[in-house]
Structure formats: structure tokens, C-alpha cells
């Protein structure tokens, strides 16, 4: 989902990302805390939004993008 948001240049913050979850939706507080954990572990980047000063845009980190590419390659080689 985060990859798609970035490809489409969507200004998605934590709330927007939470609202877009439709399956196995966690409690909002748990989601916010998990986003904080992912940011601290450098799995996602919380960047200032170009459209709204009080908002942070959620993006995959470079390492997460690389890991996603590797997983897709491995899954592709299984078929």
C-alpha cells in the first residue's frame, strides 16, 4: 500500500494510511505506535508533507524497498 501511495504521489499521512486499511484493521493507537516503531527501526520514513505543515507523509525506507524487491524476485523464481 505504501509503495502504491508513493508511486501515485499521494500525500498519505498516518491517519490516511490507517483509514485505507480495510482488512484486519488494528486499533488506531496500536497502528500509530507501530508506525513510530517502524520509523525508529528505519523501515519507514515520516517526512514533512509538502501540502500540510502539521502532517507527516509515510514512505517506505530505501532498505524496505530493496527488501521488497528481493522478496518479489524470490517469489517470482518459485513459479
PDB file of N, CA and C in Angstrom:
ATOM      1  N   UNK A   1       0.831  -1.178   0.000  1.00  0.00           N
ATOM      2  CA  UNK A   1       0.000   0.000   0.000  1.00  0.00           C
ATOM      3  C   UNK A   1       0.885   1.254   0.000  1.00  0.00           C
ATOM      4  N   UNK A   2       1.920   1.273   0.860  1.00  0.00           N
ATOM      5  CA  UNK A   2       2.793   2.444   0.900  1.00  0.00           C
ATOM      6  C   UNK A   2       3.530   2.646  -0.420  1.00  0.00           C
ATOM      7  N   UNK A   3       3.906   1.550  -1.039  1.00  0.00           N
ATOM      8  CA  UNK A   3       4.574   1.634  -2.335  1.00  0.00           C
ATOM      9  C   UNK A   3       3.640   2.259  -3.380  1.00  0.00           C
ATOM     10  N   UNK A   4       2.399   1.851  -3.386  1.00  0.00           N
ATOM     11  CA  UNK A   4       1.399   2.371  -4.332  1.00  0.00           C
ATOM     12  C   UNK A   4       1.141   3.862  -4.080  1.00  0.00           C
ATOM     13  N   UNK A   5       1.035   4.239  -2.802  1.00  0.00           N
ATOM     14  CA  UNK A   5       0.840   5.655  -2.476  1.00  0.00           C
ATOM     15  C   UNK A   5       1.989   6.502  -3.026  1.00  0.00           C
ATOM     16  N   UNK A   6       3.215   6.009  -2.857  1.00  0.00           N
ATOM     17  CA  UNK A   6       4.366   6.771  -3.338  1.00  0.00           C
ATOM     18  C   UNK A   6       4.384   6.838  -4.864  1.00  0.00           C
ATOM     19  N   UNK A   7       4.075   5.732  -5.529  1.00  0.00           N
ATOM     20  CA  UNK A   7       4.035   5.721  -6.999  1.00  0.00           C
ATOM     21  C   UNK A   7       3.007   6.719  -7.527  1.00  0.00           C
ATOM     22  N   UNK A   8       1.877   6.813  -6.832  1.00  0.00           N
ATOM     23  CA  UNK A   8       0.807   7.720  -7.253  1.00  0.00           C
ATOM     24  C   UNK A   8       0.990   9.135  -6.710  1.00  0.00           C
ATOM     25  N   UNK A   9       2.094   9.365  -5.985  1.00  0.00           N
ATOM     26  CA  UNK A   9       2.406  10.660  -5.380  1.00  0.00           C
ATOM     27  C   UNK A   9       1.279  11.145  -4.467  1.00  0.00           C
ATOM     28  N   UNK A  10       0.737  10.212  -3.682  1.00  0.00           N
ATOM     29  CA  UNK A  10      -0.332  10.529  -2.737  1.00  0.00           C
ATOM     30  C   UNK A  10       0.290  11.083  -1.459  1.00  0.00           C
ATOM     31  N   UNK A  11      -0.295  12.122  -0.918  1.00  0.00           N
ATOM     32  CA  UNK A  11       0.175  12.747   0.319  1.00  0.00           C
ATOM     33  C   UNK A  11      -0.471  12.029   1.507  1.00  0.00           C
ATOM     34  N   UNK A  12      -0.030  10.797   1.773  1.00  0.00           N
ATOM     35  CA  UNK A  12      -0.646   9.985   2.819  1.00  0.00           C
ATOM     36  C   UNK A  12       0.098  10.116   4.139  1.00  0.00           C
ATOM     37  N   UNK A  13      -0.642  10.548   5.145  1.00  0.00           N
ATOM     38  CA  UNK A  13      -0.100  10.581   6.487  1.00  0.00           C
ATOM     39  C   UNK A  13      -0.475   9.309   7.227  1.00  0.00           C
ATOM     40  N   UNK A  14      -0.182   9.271   8.501  1.00  0.00           N
ATOM     41  CA  UNK A  14      -0.504   8.092   9.307  1.00  0.00           C
ATOM     42  C   UNK A  14      -2.012   7.863   9.315  1.00  0.00           C
ATOM     43  N   UNK A  15      -2.792   8.923   9.497  1.00  0.00           N
ATOM     44  CA  UNK A  15      -4.258   8.771   9.529  1.00  0.00           C
ATOM     45  C   UNK A  15      -4.806   8.290   8.191  1.00  0.00           C
ATOM     46  N   UNK A  16      -4.311   8.855   7.100  1.00  0.00           N
ATOM     47  CA  UNK A  16      -4.766   8.437   5.768  1.00  0.00           C
ATOM     48  C   UNK A  16      -4.441   6.965   5.527  1.00  0.00           C
ATOM     49  N   UNK A  17      -3.250   6.571   5.934  1.00  0.00           N
ATOM     50  CA  UNK A  17      -2.828   5.182   5.763  1.00  0.00           C
ATOM     51  C   UNK A  17      -3.703   4.267   6.602  1.00  0.00           C
ATOM     52  N   UNK A  18      -3.969   4.670   7.847  1.00  0.00           N
ATOM     53  CA  UNK A  18      -4.841   3.892   8.729  1.00  0.00           C
ATOM     54  C   UNK A  18      -6.231   3.751   8.112  1.00  0.00           C
ATOM     55  N   UNK A  19      -6.766   4.844   7.605  1.00  0.00           N
ATOM     56  CA  UNK A  19      -8.114   4.826   7.018  1.00  0.00           C
ATOM     57  C   UNK A  19      -8.204   3.939   5.777  1.00  0.00           C
ATOM     58  N   UNK A  20      -7.086   3.735   5.095  1.00  0.00           N
ATOM     59  CA  UNK A  20      -7.109   2.913   3.879  1.00  0.00           C
ATOM     60  C   UNK A  20      -7.032   1.413   4.167  1.00  0.00           C
ATOM     61  N   UNK A  21      -6.806   1.046   5.412  1.00  0.00           N
ATOM     62  CA  UNK A  21      -6.763  -0.378   5.774  1.00  0.00           C
ATOM     63  C   UNK A  21      -8.194  -0.898   5.839  1.00  0.00           C
ATOM     64  N   UNK A  22      -8.468  -1.965   5.108  1.00  0.00           N
ATOM     65  CA  UNK A  22      -9.832  -2.497   5.099  1.00  0.00           C
ATOM     66  C   UNK A  22      -9.922  -3.910   5.671  1.00  0.00           C
ATOM     67  N   UNK A  23      -8.798  -4.615   5.758  1.00  0.00           N
ATOM     68  CA  UNK A  23      -8.796  -5.982   6.280  1.00  0.00           C
ATOM     69  C   UNK A  23      -7.877  -6.037   7.491  1.00  0.00           C
ATOM     70  N   UNK A  24      -8.324  -6.694   8.545  1.00  0.00           N
ATOM     71  CA  UNK A  24      -7.545  -6.855   9.781  1.00  0.00           C
ATOM     72  C   UNK A  24      -7.086  -5.500  10.325  1.00  0.00           C
ATOM     73  N   UNK A  25      -8.013  -4.564  10.399  1.00  0.00           N
ATOM     74  CA  UNK A  25      -7.699  -3.203  10.841  1.00  0.00           C
ATOM     75  C   UNK A  25      -7.391  -3.201  12.340  1.00  0.00           C
ATOM     76  N   UNK A  26      -6.227  -2.691  12.726  1.00  0.00           N
ATOM     77  CA  UNK A  26      -5.881  -2.635  14.148  1.00  0.00           C
ATOM     78  C   UNK A  26      -6.574  -1.451  14.826  1.00  0.00           C
ATOM     79  N   UNK A  27      -6.432  -1.377  16.124  1.00  0.00           N
ATOM     80  CA  UNK A  27      -6.878  -0.180  16.850  1.00  0.00           C
ATOM     81  C   UNK A  27      -5.971   0.972  16.412  1.00  0.00           C
ATOM     82  N   UNK A  28      -6.527   2.168  16.388  1.00  0.00           N
ATOM     83  CA  UNK A  28      -5.772   3.315  15.882  1.00  0.00           C
ATOM     84  C   UNK A  28      -4.512   3.580  16.707  1.00  0.00           C
ATOM     85  N   UNK A  29      -4.615   3.515  18.023  1.00  0.00           N
ATOM     86  CA  UNK A  29      -3.453   3.768  18.874  1.00  0.00           C
ATOM     87  C   UNK A  29      -2.346   2.752  18.592  1.00  0.00           C
ATOM     88  N   UNK A  30      -2.723   1.490  18.440  1.00  0.00           N
ATOM     89  CA  UNK A  30      -1.729   0.451  18.137  1.00  0.00           C
ATOM     90  C   UNK A  30      -1.057   0.734  16.796  1.00  0.00           C
ATOM     91  N   UNK A  31      -1.821   1.191  15.819  1.00  0.00           N
ATOM     92  CA  UNK A  31      -1.267   1.497  14.499  1.00  0.00           C
ATOM     93  C   UNK A  31      -0.289   2.670  14.582  1.00  0.00           C
ATOM     94  N   UNK A  32      -0.658   3.708  15.300  1.00  0.00           N
ATOM     95  CA  UNK A  32       0.212   4.878  15.453  1.00  0.00           C
ATOM     96  C   UNK A  32       1.511   4.475  16.155  1.00  0.00           C
ATOM     97  N   UNK A  33       1.397   3.654  17.202  1.00  0.00           N
ATOM     98  CA  UNK A  33       2.586   3.192  17.916  1.00  0.00           C
ATOM     99  C   UNK A  33       3.464   2.322  17.017  1.00  0.00           C
ATOM    100  N   UNK A  34       2.842   1.477  16.199  1.00  0.00           N
ATOM    101  CA  UNK A  34       3.597   0.626  15.288  1.00  0.00           C
ATOM    102  C   UNK A  34       4.313   1.466  14.232  1.00  0.00           C
ATOM    103  N   UNK A  35       3.661   2.508  13.740  1.00  0.00           N
ATOM    104  CA  UNK A  35       4.309   3.417  12.787  1.00  0.00           C
ATOM    105  C   UNK A  35       5.525   4.089  13.423  1.00  0.00           C
ATOM    106  N   UNK A  36       5.398   4.465  14.676  1.00  0.00           N
ATOM    107  CA  UNK A  36       6.522   5.060  15.393  1.00  0.00           C
ATOM    108  C   UNK A  36       7.672   4.061  15.509  1.00  0.00           C
ATOM    109  N   UNK A  37       7.338   2.816  15.843  1.00  0.00           N
ATOM    110  CA  UNK A  37       8.347   1.757  15.925  1.00  0.00           C
ATOM    111  C   UNK A  37       9.019   1.542  14.566  1.00  0.00           C
ATOM    112  N   UNK A  38       8.223   1.477  13.503  1.00  0.00           N
ATOM    113  CA  UNK A  38       8.777   1.274  12.160  1.00  0.00           C
ATOM    114  C   UNK A  38       9.677   2.437  11.745  1.00  0.00           C
ATOM    115  N   UNK A  39       9.320   3.628  12.154  1.00  0.00           N
ATOM    116  CA  UNK A  39      10.143   4.795  11.860  1.00  0.00           C
ATOM    117  C   UNK A  39      11.468   4.722  12.625  1.00  0.00           C
ATOM    118  N   UNK A  40      11.401   4.363  13.895  1.00  0.00           N
ATOM    119  CA  UNK A  40      12.615   4.245  14.710  1.00  0.00           C
ATOM    120  C   UNK A  40      13.531   3.138  14.207  1.00  0.00           C
ATOM    121  N   UNK A  41      12.954   2.077  13.672  1.00  0.00           N
ATOM    122  CA  UNK A  41      13.755   0.967  13.143  1.00  0.00           C
ATOM    123  C   UNK A  41      14.150   1.201  11.682  1.00  0.00           C
ATOM    124  N   UNK A  42      13.853   2.383  11.175  1.00  0.00           N
ATOM    125  CA  UNK A  42      14.192   2.820   9.820  1.00  0.00           C
ATOM    126  C   UNK A  42      13.580   1.937   8.729  1.00  0.00           C
ATOM    127  N   UNK A  43      12.374   1.431   8.998  1.00  0.00           N
ATOM    128  CA  UNK A  43      11.628   0.665   7.997  1.00  0.00           C
ATOM    129  C   UNK A  43      10.746   1.582   7.157  1.00  0.00           C
ATOM    130  N   UNK A  44      10.291   2.675   7.773  1.00  0.00           N
ATOM    131  CA  UNK A  44       9.534   3.701   7.060  1.00  0.00           C
ATOM    132  C   UNK A  44      10.143   5.061   7.381  1.00  0.00           C
ATOM    133  N   UNK A  45       9.858   6.017   6.534  1.00  0.00           N
ATOM    134  CA  UNK A  45      10.260   7.403   6.768  1.00  0.00           C
ATOM    135  C   UNK A  45       9.005   8.238   6.959  1.00  0.00           C
ATOM    136  N   UNK A  46       9.022   9.078   7.971  1.00  0.00           N
ATOM    137  CA  UNK A  46       7.945  10.039   8.190  1.00  0.00           C
ATOM    138  C   UNK A  46       8.504  11.401   7.779  1.00  0.00           C
ATOM    139  N   UNK A  47       8.101  11.853   6.603  1.00  0.00           N
ATOM    140  CA  UNK A  47       8.646  13.070   6.007  1.00  0.00           C
ATOM    141  C   UNK A  47       7.624  14.198   6.080  1.00  0.00           C
ATOM    142  N   UNK A  48       8.079  15.435   6.196  1.00  0.00           N
ATOM    143  CA  UNK A  48       7.133  16.556   6.195  1.00  0.00           C
ATOM    144  C   UNK A  48       6.313  16.577   4.901  1.00  0.00           C
ATOM    145  N   UNK A  49       5.028  16.788   5.054  1.00  0.00           N
ATOM    146  CA  UNK A  49       4.140  16.852   3.894  1.00  0.00           C
ATOM    147  C   UNK A  49       4.356  18.157   3.143  1.00  0.00           C
ATOM    148  N   UNK A  50       4.417  18.086   1.816  1.00  0.00           N
ATOM    149  CA  UNK A  50       4.550  19.329   1.049  1.00  0.00           C
ATOM    150  C   UNK A  50       3.246  20.138   1.015  1.00  0.00           C
ATOM    151  N   UNK A  51       2.126  19.491   1.388  1.00  0.00           N
ATOM    152  CA  UNK A  51       0.827  20.161   1.300  1.00  0.00           C
ATOM    153  C   UNK A  51       0.313  20.702   2.629  1.00  0.00           C
ATOM    154  N   UNK A  52       0.726  20.063   3.733  1.00  0.00           N
ATOM    155  CA  UNK A  52       0.192  20.452   5.032  1.00  0.00           C
ATOM    156  C   UNK A  52       1.310  20.376   6.069  1.00  0.00           C
ATOM    157  N   UNK A  53       1.605  21.489   6.722  1.00  0.00           N
ATOM    158  CA  UNK A  53       2.739  21.557   7.642  1.00  0.00           C
ATOM    159  C   UNK A  53       2.613  20.630   8.843  1.00  0.00           C
ATOM    160  N   UNK A  54       1.398  20.389   9.310  1.00  0.00           N
ATOM    161  CA  UNK A  54       1.211  19.571  10.507  1.00  0.00           C
ATOM    162  C   UNK A  54       1.198  18.072  10.210  1.00  0.00           C
ATOM    163  N   UNK A  55       1.363  17.713   8.952  1.00  0.00           N
ATOM    164  CA  UNK A  55       1.241  16.319   8.532  1.00  0.00           C
ATOM    165  C   UNK A  55       2.599  15.744   8.146  1.00  0.00           C
ATOM    166  N   UNK A  56       2.794  14.462   8.463  1.00  0.00           N
ATOM    167  CA  UNK A  56       3.990  13.732   8.043  1.00  0.00           C
ATOM    168  C   UNK A  56       3.563  12.685   7.020  1.00  0.00           C
ATOM    169  N   UNK A  57       4.217  12.666   5.879  1.00  0.00           N
ATOM    170  CA  UNK A  57       3.931  11.686   4.838  1.00  0.00           C
ATOM    171  C   UNK A  57       4.677  10.397   5.154  1.00  0.00           C
ATOM    172  N   UNK A  58       3.996   9.259   5.001  1.00  0.00           N
ATOM    173  CA  UNK A  58       4.580   7.948   5.301  1.00  0.00           C
ATOM    174  C   UNK A  58       5.130   7.350   4.009  1.00  0.00           C
ATOM    175  N   UNK A  59       6.413   6.991   4.034  1.00  0.00           N
ATOM    176  CA  UNK A  59       7.075   6.376   2.882  1.00  0.00           C
ATOM    177  C   UNK A  59       7.921   5.193   3.350  1.00  0.00           C
ATOM    178  N   UNK A  60       8.063   4.199   2.472  1.00  0.00           N
ATOM    179  CA  UNK A  60       8.971   3.094   2.754  1.00  0.00           C
ATOM    180  C   UNK A  60      10.406   3.618   2.729  1.00  0.00           C
ATOM    181  N   UNK A  61      11.250   3.075   3.605  1.00  0.00           N
ATOM    182  CA  UNK A  61      12.664   3.446   3.577  1.00  0.00           C
ATOM    183  C   UNK A  61      13.342   2.762   2.394  1.00  0.00           C
ATOM    184  N   UNK A  62      14.541   3.212   2.056  1.00  0.00           N
ATOM    185  CA  UNK A  62      15.285   2.597   0.949  1.00  0.00           C
ATOM    186  C   UNK A  62      15.531   1.117   1.228  1.00  0.00           C
ATOM    187  N   UNK A  63      15.876   0.783   2.476  1.00  0.00           N
ATOM    188  CA  UNK A  63      16.125  -0.620   2.822  1.00  0.00           C
ATOM    189  C   UNK A  63      14.862  -1.463   2.675  1.00  0.00           C
ATOM    190  N   UNK A  64      13.720  -0.916   3.044  1.00  0.00           N
ATOM    191  CA  UNK A  64      12.457  -1.652   2.900  1.00  0.00           C
ATOM    192  C   UNK A  64      12.121  -1.864   1.432  1.00  0.00           C
ATOM    193  N   UNK A  65      12.393  -0.862   0.610  1.00  0.00           N
ATOM    194  CA  UNK A  65      12.142  -1.001  -0.827  1.00  0.00           C
ATOM    195  C   UNK A  65      13.023  -2.097  -1.424  1.00  0.00           C
ATOM    196  N   UNK A  66      14.298  -2.127  -1.017  1.00  0.00           N
ATOM    197  CA  UNK A  66      15.210  -3.168  -1.504  1.00  0.00           C
ATOM    198  C   UNK A  66      14.732  -4.547  -1.066  1.00  0.00           C
ATOM    199  N   UNK A  67      14.316  -4.666   0.195  1.00  0.00           N
ATOM    200  CA  UNK A  67      13.833  -5.949   0.709  1.00  0.00           C
ATOM    201  C   UNK A  67      12.596  -6.401  -0.057  1.00  0.00           C
ATOM    202  N   UNK A  68      11.715  -5.479  -0.373  1.00  0.00           N
ATOM    203  CA  UNK A  68      10.502  -5.800  -1.129  1.00  0.00           C
ATOM    204  C   UNK A  68      10.845  -6.304  -2.533  1.00  0.00           C
ATOM    205  N   UNK A  69      11.816  -5.681  -3.172  1.00  0.00           N
ATOM    206  CA  UNK A  69      12.270  -6.125  -4.497  1.00  0.00           C
ATOM    207  C   UNK A  69      12.832  -7.540  -4.409  1.00  0.00           C
ATOM    208  N   UNK A  70      13.644  -7.803  -3.384  1.00  0.00           N
ATOM    209  CA  UNK A  70      14.231  -9.137  -3.214  1.00  0.00           C
ATOM    210  C   UNK A  70      13.172 -10.202  -2.965  1.00  0.00           C
ATOM    211  N   UNK A  71      12.171  -9.885  -2.162  1.00  0.00           N
ATOM    212  CA  UNK A  71      11.084 -10.836  -1.896  1.00  0.00           C
ATOM    213  C   UNK A  71      10.338 -11.140  -3.191  1.00  0.00           C
ATOM    214  N   UNK A  72      10.061 -10.108  -3.978  1.00  0.00           N
ATOM    215  CA  UNK A  72       9.354 -10.319  -5.249  1.00  0.00           C
ATOM    216  C   UNK A  72      10.175 -11.186  -6.204  1.00  0.00           C
ATOM    217  N   UNK A  73      11.491 -10.973  -6.225  1.00  0.00           N
ATOM    218  CA  UNK A  73      12.358 -11.798  -7.074  1.00  0.00           C
ATOM    219  C   UNK A  73      12.304 -13.257  -6.638  1.00  0.00           C
ATOM    220  N   UNK A  74      12.391 -13.483  -5.332  1.00  0.00           N
ATOM    221  CA  UNK A  74      12.364 -14.855  -4.817  1.00  0.00           C
ATOM    222  C   UNK A  74      11.023 -15.519  -5.092  1.00  0.00           C
ATOM    223  N   UNK A  75       9.950 -14.784  -4.907  1.00  0.00           N
ATOM    224  CA  UNK A  75       8.621 -15.344  -5.181  1.00  0.00           C
ATOM    225  C   UNK A  75       8.448 -15.616  -6.668  1.00  0.00           C
ATOM    226  N   UNK A  76       9.001 -14.751  -7.494  1.00  0.00           N
ATOM    227  CA  UNK A  76       8.924 -14.948  -8.937  1.00  0.00           C
ATOM    228  C   UNK A  76       9.698 -16.167  -9.392  1.00  0.00           C
ATOM    229  N   UNK A  77      10.780 -16.469  -8.702  1.00  0.00           N
ATOM    230  CA  UNK A  77      11.583 -17.636  -9.082  1.00  0.00           C
ATOM    231  C   UNK A  77      10.948 -18.945  -8.628  1.00  0.00           C
ATOM    232  N   UNK A  78       9.963 -18.862  -7.738  1.00  0.00           N
ATOM    233  CA  UNK A  78       9.278 -20.069  -7.261  1.00  0.00           C
ATOM    234  C   UNK A  78       8.226 -20.556  -8.242  1.00  0.00           C
ATOM    235  N   UNK A  79       7.756 -19.677  -9.110  1.00  0.00           N
ATOM    236  CA  UNK A  79       6.676 -20.079 -10.030  1.00  0.00           C
ATOM    237  C   UNK A  79       7.183 -20.653 -11.314  1.00  0.00           C
TER     238      UNK A  79
END
